[in-house]
Amino acid sequence: MASANDHGTPDPQVEARSTGPRRYSAEYKARVLAEYEKLDKKGKGALLRREGLYSSLITTWRQQRDKGAEAALAAPSGRPKADPRDKEITRLEAKVARLEKDLGKAQTVIEVQGKLSALLDQFATDSASDRRGEKSQ
Protein backbone atom coordinates (compact mmCIF):
# COMPACT_ATOMS: atom_id res chain seq x y z
CA MET A 1 0.00 0.00 0.00
CA ALA A 2 1.40 3.43 -0.84
CA SER A 3 1.90 5.84 2.02
CA ALA A 4 0.16 9.18 2.24
CA ASN A 5 3.51 10.93 2.37
CA ASP A 6 6.66 9.89 0.58
CA HIS A 7 8.97 10.12 3.65
CA GLY A 8 8.84 6.35 4.30
CA THR A 9 6.37 6.46 7.17
CA PRO A 10 3.59 3.89 6.95
CA ASP A 11 0.01 4.88 6.34
CA PRO A 12 -1.80 4.88 9.72
CA GLN A 13 -5.04 3.78 8.09
CA VAL A 14 -5.81 0.17 9.07
CA GLU A 15 -8.01 -1.96 6.85
CA ALA A 16 -11.06 -3.37 8.59
CA ARG A 17 -11.10 -7.09 9.30
CA SER A 18 -14.07 -9.18 8.33
CA THR A 19 -16.59 -9.51 11.12
CA GLY A 20 -17.79 -13.03 10.24
CA PRO A 21 -16.23 -16.24 11.51
CA ARG A 22 -13.06 -17.33 9.77
CA ARG A 23 -13.26 -20.45 7.67
CA TYR A 24 -10.34 -22.82 7.35
CA SER A 25 -9.82 -25.40 4.63
CA ALA A 26 -9.16 -29.02 5.55
CA GLU A 27 -5.70 -28.73 4.00
CA TYR A 28 -4.87 -25.73 6.16
CA LYS A 29 -6.09 -27.46 9.32
CA ALA A 30 -4.08 -30.60 8.54
CA ARG A 31 -0.94 -28.58 7.79
CA VAL A 32 -1.20 -26.51 10.98
CA LEU A 33 -1.94 -29.60 13.10
CA ALA A 34 1.05 -31.46 11.67
CA GLU A 35 3.33 -28.48 12.31
CA TYR A 36 1.86 -27.86 15.79
CA GLU A 37 2.41 -31.44 16.93
CA LYS A 38 6.11 -31.34 15.96
CA LEU A 39 6.87 -28.23 18.02
CA ASP A 40 7.81 -27.72 21.66
CA LYS A 41 5.76 -25.49 24.00
CA LYS A 42 7.46 -22.23 22.90
CA GLY A 43 7.16 -23.14 19.24
CA LYS A 44 3.48 -23.99 19.63
CA GLY A 45 2.78 -20.57 21.15
CA ALA A 46 4.73 -18.87 18.34
CA LEU A 47 2.76 -20.82 15.71
CA LEU A 48 -0.56 -19.86 17.30
CA ARG A 49 0.44 -16.17 17.41
CA ARG A 50 1.78 -16.23 13.84
CA GLU A 51 -1.41 -17.81 12.48
CA GLY A 52 -3.76 -15.83 14.77
CA LEU A 53 -5.28 -18.99 16.24
CA TYR A 54 -6.42 -20.10 19.69
CA SER A 55 -5.38 -23.36 21.29
CA SER A 56 -9.06 -24.35 21.52
CA LEU A 57 -9.16 -24.43 17.71
CA ILE A 58 -6.26 -26.87 17.69
CA THR A 59 -8.14 -29.08 20.16
CA THR A 60 -11.29 -28.96 18.03
CA TRP A 61 -9.38 -29.71 14.84
CA ARG A 62 -7.64 -32.65 16.52
CA GLN A 63 -11.02 -34.07 17.61
CA GLN A 64 -12.40 -33.62 14.09
CA ARG A 65 -9.36 -35.36 12.60
CA ASP A 66 -9.55 -38.25 15.04
CA LYS A 67 -13.30 -38.64 14.57
CA GLY A 68 -12.88 -38.69 10.79
CA ALA A 69 -10.07 -41.24 10.99
CA GLU A 70 -12.14 -43.41 13.35
CA ALA A 71 -15.12 -43.27 11.01
CA ALA A 72 -12.92 -44.14 8.04
CA LEU A 73 -11.42 -47.10 9.88
CA ALA A 74 -14.83 -48.31 11.07
CA ALA A 75 -16.29 -48.26 7.56
CA PRO A 76 -16.56 -51.76 6.09
CA SER A 77 -14.15 -52.51 3.31
CA GLY A 78 -15.15 -53.79 -0.07
CA ARG A 79 -18.34 -53.29 -1.93
CA PRO A 80 -21.29 -51.87 -0.03
CA LYS A 81 -24.09 -54.32 0.67
CA ALA A 82 -26.98 -54.22 -1.78
CA ASP A 83 -30.07 -52.60 -0.39
CA PRO A 84 -32.91 -55.15 -0.31
CA ARG A 85 -35.32 -52.40 -1.30
CA ASP A 86 -33.44 -51.92 -4.59
CA LYS A 87 -33.81 -55.65 -5.34
CA GLU A 88 -37.53 -55.48 -4.55
CA ILE A 89 -37.97 -52.37 -6.74
CA THR A 90 -36.27 -54.13 -9.66
CA ARG A 91 -38.50 -57.19 -9.20
CA LEU A 92 -41.66 -55.07 -9.04
CA GLU A 93 -40.67 -53.02 -12.11
CA ALA A 94 -40.19 -56.25 -14.09
CA LYS A 95 -43.58 -57.49 -12.87
CA VAL A 96 -45.26 -54.23 -13.92
CA ALA A 97 -43.66 -54.43 -17.38
CA ARG A 98 -44.86 -58.05 -17.79
CA LEU A 99 -48.39 -57.18 -16.63
CA GLU A 100 -48.57 -54.18 -18.98
CA LYS A 101 -47.55 -56.45 -21.86
CA ASP A 102 -50.23 -58.99 -20.86
CA LEU A 103 -52.79 -56.18 -20.57
CA GLY A 104 -51.94 -55.01 -24.09
CA LYS A 105 -52.49 -58.56 -25.40
CA ALA A 106 -55.79 -58.85 -23.53
CA GLN A 107 -57.01 -55.53 -24.90
CA THR A 108 -56.14 -56.68 -28.43
CA VAL A 109 -58.04 -59.95 -27.90
CA ILE A 110 -61.08 -58.09 -26.56
CA GLU A 111 -60.98 -55.71 -29.51
CA VAL A 112 -60.80 -58.63 -32.00
CA GLN A 113 -63.63 -60.43 -30.18
CA GLY A 114 -65.77 -57.30 -30.36
CA LYS A 115 -65.16 -56.96 -34.09
CA LEU A 116 -65.81 -60.68 -34.63
CA SER A 117 -69.05 -60.47 -32.65
CA ALA A 118 -70.18 -57.46 -34.68
CA LEU A 119 -69.31 -59.30 -37.92
CA LEU A 120 -71.21 -62.44 -36.83
CA ASP A 121 -74.21 -60.30 -35.86
CA GLN A 122 -74.08 -58.69 -39.28
CA PHE A 123 -73.95 -62.10 -41.00
CA ALA A 124 -76.80 -63.34 -38.85
CA THR A 125 -78.87 -60.27 -39.66
CA ASP A 126 -78.04 -60.51 -43.37
CA SER A 127 -78.89 -64.21 -43.57
CA ALA A 128 -82.12 -63.68 -41.62
CA SER A 129 -83.19 -60.96 -44.01
CA ASP A 130 -82.14 -63.16 -46.96
CA ARG A 131 -84.35 -65.97 -45.63
CA ARG A 132 -87.26 -63.64 -45.19
CA GLY A 133 -86.73 -62.40 -48.72
CA GLU A 134 -86.78 -65.98 -50.07
CA LYS A 135 -89.97 -66.84 -48.20
CA SER A 136 -91.80 -63.79 -49.54
CA GLN A 137 -90.92 -64.60 -53.14
C-alpha atoms as a PDB file:
ATOM      1  CA  MET A   1       0.000   0.000   0.000  1.00  0.00           C
ATOM      2  CA  ALA A   2       1.398   3.425  -0.840  1.00  0.00           C
ATOM      3  CA  SER A   3       1.899   5.838   2.024  1.00  0.00           C
ATOM      4  CA  ALA A   4       0.156   9.181   2.241  1.00  0.00           C
ATOM      5  CA  ASN A   5       3.506  10.928   2.375  1.00  0.00           C
ATOM      6  CA  ASP A   6       6.664   9.894   0.576  1.00  0.00           C
ATOM      7  CA  HIS A   7       8.970  10.118   3.649  1.00  0.00           C
ATOM      8  CA  GLY A   8       8.842   6.347   4.299  1.00  0.00           C
ATOM      9  CA  THR A   9       6.371   6.462   7.167  1.00  0.00           C
ATOM     10  CA  PRO A  10       3.588   3.888   6.946  1.00  0.00           C
ATOM     11  CA  ASP A  11       0.009   4.884   6.338  1.00  0.00           C
ATOM     12  CA  PRO A  12      -1.802   4.885   9.715  1.00  0.00           C
ATOM     13  CA  GLN A  13      -5.043   3.785   8.085  1.00  0.00           C
ATOM     14  CA  VAL A  14      -5.807   0.170   9.066  1.00  0.00           C
ATOM     15  CA  GLU A  15      -8.006  -1.965   6.850  1.00  0.00           C
ATOM     16  CA  ALA A  16     -11.062  -3.370   8.586  1.00  0.00           C
ATOM     17  CA  ARG A  17     -11.105  -7.088   9.304  1.00  0.00           C
ATOM     18  CA  SER A  18     -14.070  -9.179   8.331  1.00  0.00           C
ATOM     19  CA  THR A  19     -16.591  -9.512  11.123  1.00  0.00           C
ATOM     20  CA  GLY A  20     -17.787 -13.033  10.244  1.00  0.00           C
ATOM     21  CA  PRO A  21     -16.225 -16.237  11.508  1.00  0.00           C
ATOM     22  CA  ARG A  22     -13.057 -17.327   9.775  1.00  0.00           C
ATOM     23  CA  ARG A  23     -13.261 -20.450   7.673  1.00  0.00           C
ATOM     24  CA  TYR A  24     -10.337 -22.821   7.350  1.00  0.00           C
ATOM     25  CA  SER A  25      -9.822 -25.398   4.633  1.00  0.00           C
ATOM     26  CA  ALA A  26      -9.162 -29.020   5.548  1.00  0.00           C
ATOM     27  CA  GLU A  27      -5.698 -28.726   3.997  1.00  0.00           C
ATOM     28  CA  TYR A  28      -4.872 -25.725   6.160  1.00  0.00           C
ATOM     29  CA  LYS A  29      -6.094 -27.464   9.319  1.00  0.00           C
ATOM     30  CA  ALA A  30      -4.077 -30.597   8.543  1.00  0.00           C
ATOM     31  CA  ARG A  31      -0.938 -28.575   7.785  1.00  0.00           C
ATOM     32  CA  VAL A  32      -1.204 -26.508  10.977  1.00  0.00           C
ATOM     33  CA  LEU A  33      -1.943 -29.605  13.103  1.00  0.00           C
ATOM     34  CA  ALA A  34       1.046 -31.464  11.673  1.00  0.00           C
ATOM     35  CA  GLU A  35       3.328 -28.485  12.313  1.00  0.00           C
ATOM     36  CA  TYR A  36       1.860 -27.856  15.792  1.00  0.00           C
ATOM     37  CA  GLU A  37       2.406 -31.443  16.934  1.00  0.00           C
ATOM     38  CA  LYS A  38       6.111 -31.339  15.957  1.00  0.00           C
ATOM     39  CA  LEU A  39       6.873 -28.231  18.021  1.00  0.00           C
ATOM     40  CA  ASP A  40       7.810 -27.720  21.658  1.00  0.00           C
ATOM     41  CA  LYS A  41       5.760 -25.489  23.997  1.00  0.00           C
ATOM     42  CA  LYS A  42       7.460 -22.226  22.897  1.00  0.00           C
ATOM     43  CA  GLY A  43       7.164 -23.141  19.242  1.00  0.00           C
ATOM     44  CA  LYS A  44       3.485 -23.986  19.634  1.00  0.00           C
ATOM     45  CA  GLY A  45       2.784 -20.568  21.148  1.00  0.00           C
ATOM     46  CA  ALA A  46       4.727 -18.871  18.341  1.00  0.00           C
ATOM     47  CA  LEU A  47       2.761 -20.824  15.714  1.00  0.00           C
ATOM     48  CA  LEU A  48      -0.559 -19.855  17.300  1.00  0.00           C
ATOM     49  CA  ARG A  49       0.444 -16.169  17.409  1.00  0.00           C
ATOM     50  CA  ARG A  50       1.779 -16.227  13.837  1.00  0.00           C
ATOM     51  CA  GLU A  51      -1.410 -17.813  12.481  1.00  0.00           C
ATOM     52  CA  GLY A  52      -3.756 -15.827  14.769  1.00  0.00           C
ATOM     53  CA  LEU A  53      -5.277 -18.991  16.240  1.00  0.00           C
ATOM     54  CA  TYR A  54      -6.423 -20.105  19.688  1.00  0.00           C
ATOM     55  CA  SER A  55      -5.382 -23.364  21.292  1.00  0.00           C
ATOM     56  CA  SER A  56      -9.062 -24.348  21.522  1.00  0.00           C
ATOM     57  CA  LEU A  57      -9.163 -24.429  17.715  1.00  0.00           C
ATOM     58  CA  ILE A  58      -6.261 -26.868  17.686  1.00  0.00           C
ATOM     59  CA  THR A  59      -8.137 -29.080  20.160  1.00  0.00           C
ATOM     60  CA  THR A  60     -11.294 -28.957  18.034  1.00  0.00           C
ATOM     61  CA  TRP A  61      -9.378 -29.710  14.844  1.00  0.00           C
ATOM     62  CA  ARG A  62      -7.644 -32.645  16.524  1.00  0.00           C
ATOM     63  CA  GLN A  63     -11.016 -34.070  17.607  1.00  0.00           C
ATOM     64  CA  GLN A  64     -12.398 -33.623  14.089  1.00  0.00           C
ATOM     65  CA  ARG A  65      -9.365 -35.359  12.596  1.00  0.00           C
ATOM     66  CA  ASP A  66      -9.551 -38.248  15.042  1.00  0.00           C
ATOM     67  CA  LYS A  67     -13.295 -38.643  14.574  1.00  0.00           C
ATOM     68  CA  GLY A  68     -12.876 -38.686  10.788  1.00  0.00           C
ATOM     69  CA  ALA A  69     -10.073 -41.243  10.995  1.00  0.00           C
ATOM     70  CA  GLU A  70     -12.137 -43.412  13.349  1.00  0.00           C
ATOM     71  CA  ALA A  71     -15.124 -43.273  11.010  1.00  0.00           C
ATOM     72  CA  ALA A  72     -12.923 -44.140   8.036  1.00  0.00           C
ATOM     73  CA  LEU A  73     -11.420 -47.099   9.878  1.00  0.00           C
ATOM     74  CA  ALA A  74     -14.827 -48.307  11.066  1.00  0.00           C
ATOM     75  CA  ALA A  75     -16.291 -48.263   7.559  1.00  0.00           C
ATOM     76  CA  PRO A  76     -16.559 -51.760   6.089  1.00  0.00           C
ATOM     77  CA  SER A  77     -14.145 -52.508   3.306  1.00  0.00           C
ATOM     78  CA  GLY A  78     -15.146 -53.786  -0.074  1.00  0.00           C
ATOM     79  CA  ARG A  79     -18.341 -53.293  -1.934  1.00  0.00           C
ATOM     80  CA  PRO A  80     -21.290 -51.874  -0.030  1.00  0.00           C
ATOM     81  CA  LYS A  81     -24.094 -54.318   0.667  1.00  0.00           C
ATOM     82  CA  ALA A  82     -26.979 -54.216  -1.781  1.00  0.00           C
ATOM     83  CA  ASP A  83     -30.066 -52.596  -0.388  1.00  0.00           C
ATOM     84  CA  PRO A  84     -32.906 -55.151  -0.313  1.00  0.00           C
ATOM     85  CA  ARG A  85     -35.318 -52.398  -1.301  1.00  0.00           C
ATOM     86  CA  ASP A  86     -33.438 -51.921  -4.590  1.00  0.00           C
ATOM     87  CA  LYS A  87     -33.814 -55.649  -5.336  1.00  0.00           C
ATOM     88  CA  GLU A  88     -37.533 -55.483  -4.554  1.00  0.00           C
ATOM     89  CA  ILE A  89     -37.974 -52.373  -6.737  1.00  0.00           C
ATOM     90  CA  THR A  90     -36.273 -54.127  -9.664  1.00  0.00           C
ATOM     91  CA  ARG A  91     -38.499 -57.193  -9.198  1.00  0.00           C
ATOM     92  CA  LEU A  92     -41.656 -55.069  -9.041  1.00  0.00           C
ATOM     93  CA  GLU A  93     -40.672 -53.024 -12.107  1.00  0.00           C
ATOM     94  CA  ALA A  94     -40.185 -56.249 -14.092  1.00  0.00           C
ATOM     95  CA  LYS A  95     -43.577 -57.486 -12.874  1.00  0.00           C
ATOM     96  CA  VAL A  96     -45.262 -54.231 -13.917  1.00  0.00           C
ATOM     97  CA  ALA A  97     -43.660 -54.433 -17.385  1.00  0.00           C
ATOM     98  CA  ARG A  98     -44.862 -58.052 -17.791  1.00  0.00           C
ATOM     99  CA  LEU A  99     -48.388 -57.177 -16.625  1.00  0.00           C
ATOM    100  CA  GLU A 100     -48.568 -54.181 -18.979  1.00  0.00           C
ATOM    101  CA  LYS A 101     -47.553 -56.446 -21.859  1.00  0.00           C
ATOM    102  CA  ASP A 102     -50.231 -58.986 -20.855  1.00  0.00           C
ATOM    103  CA  LEU A 103     -52.788 -56.179 -20.571  1.00  0.00           C
ATOM    104  CA  GLY A 104     -51.943 -55.015 -24.087  1.00  0.00           C
ATOM    105  CA  LYS A 105     -52.489 -58.555 -25.405  1.00  0.00           C
ATOM    106  CA  ALA A 106     -55.793 -58.853 -23.528  1.00  0.00           C
ATOM    107  CA  GLN A 107     -57.012 -55.526 -24.900  1.00  0.00           C
ATOM    108  CA  THR A 108     -56.145 -56.675 -28.426  1.00  0.00           C
ATOM    109  CA  VAL A 109     -58.040 -59.948 -27.903  1.00  0.00           C
ATOM    110  CA  ILE A 110     -61.082 -58.085 -26.561  1.00  0.00           C
ATOM    111  CA  GLU A 111     -60.980 -55.712 -29.514  1.00  0.00           C
ATOM    112  CA  VAL A 112     -60.803 -58.627 -31.998  1.00  0.00           C
ATOM    113  CA  GLN A 113     -63.627 -60.435 -30.179  1.00  0.00           C
ATOM    114  CA  GLY A 114     -65.765 -57.301 -30.363  1.00  0.00           C
ATOM    115  CA  LYS A 115     -65.164 -56.955 -34.093  1.00  0.00           C
ATOM    116  CA  LEU A 116     -65.812 -60.680 -34.631  1.00  0.00           C
ATOM    117  CA  SER A 117     -69.048 -60.466 -32.650  1.00  0.00           C
ATOM    118  CA  ALA A 118     -70.179 -57.461 -34.685  1.00  0.00           C
ATOM    119  CA  LEU A 119     -69.306 -59.296 -37.920  1.00  0.00           C
ATOM    120  CA  LEU A 120     -71.206 -62.440 -36.826  1.00  0.00           C
ATOM    121  CA  ASP A 121     -74.212 -60.300 -35.857  1.00  0.00           C
ATOM    122  CA  GLN A 122     -74.079 -58.688 -39.278  1.00  0.00           C
ATOM    123  CA  PHE A 123     -73.947 -62.102 -41.002  1.00  0.00           C
ATOM    124  CA  ALA A 124     -76.804 -63.345 -38.846  1.00  0.00           C
ATOM    125  CA  THR A 125     -78.872 -60.269 -39.658  1.00  0.00           C
ATOM    126  CA  ASP A 126     -78.043 -60.507 -43.375  1.00  0.00           C
ATOM    127  CA  SER A 127     -78.887 -64.210 -43.567  1.00  0.00           C
ATOM    128  CA  ALA A 128     -82.122 -63.685 -41.617  1.00  0.00           C
ATOM    129  CA  SER A 129     -83.187 -60.963 -44.008  1.00  0.00           C
ATOM    130  CA  ASP A 130     -82.141 -63.157 -46.963  1.00  0.00           C
ATOM    131  CA  ARG A 131     -84.347 -65.975 -45.634  1.00  0.00           C
ATOM    132  CA  ARG A 132     -87.257 -63.643 -45.190  1.00  0.00           C
ATOM    133  CA  GLY A 133     -86.730 -62.395 -48.724  1.00  0.00           C
ATOM    134  CA  GLU A 134     -86.776 -65.983 -50.072  1.00  0.00           C
ATOM    135  CA  LYS A 135     -89.971 -66.843 -48.203  1.00  0.00           C
ATOM    136  CA  SER A 136     -91.796 -63.793 -49.542  1.00  0.00           C
ATOM    137  CA  GLN A 137     -90.922 -64.598 -53.136  1.00  0.00           C
END
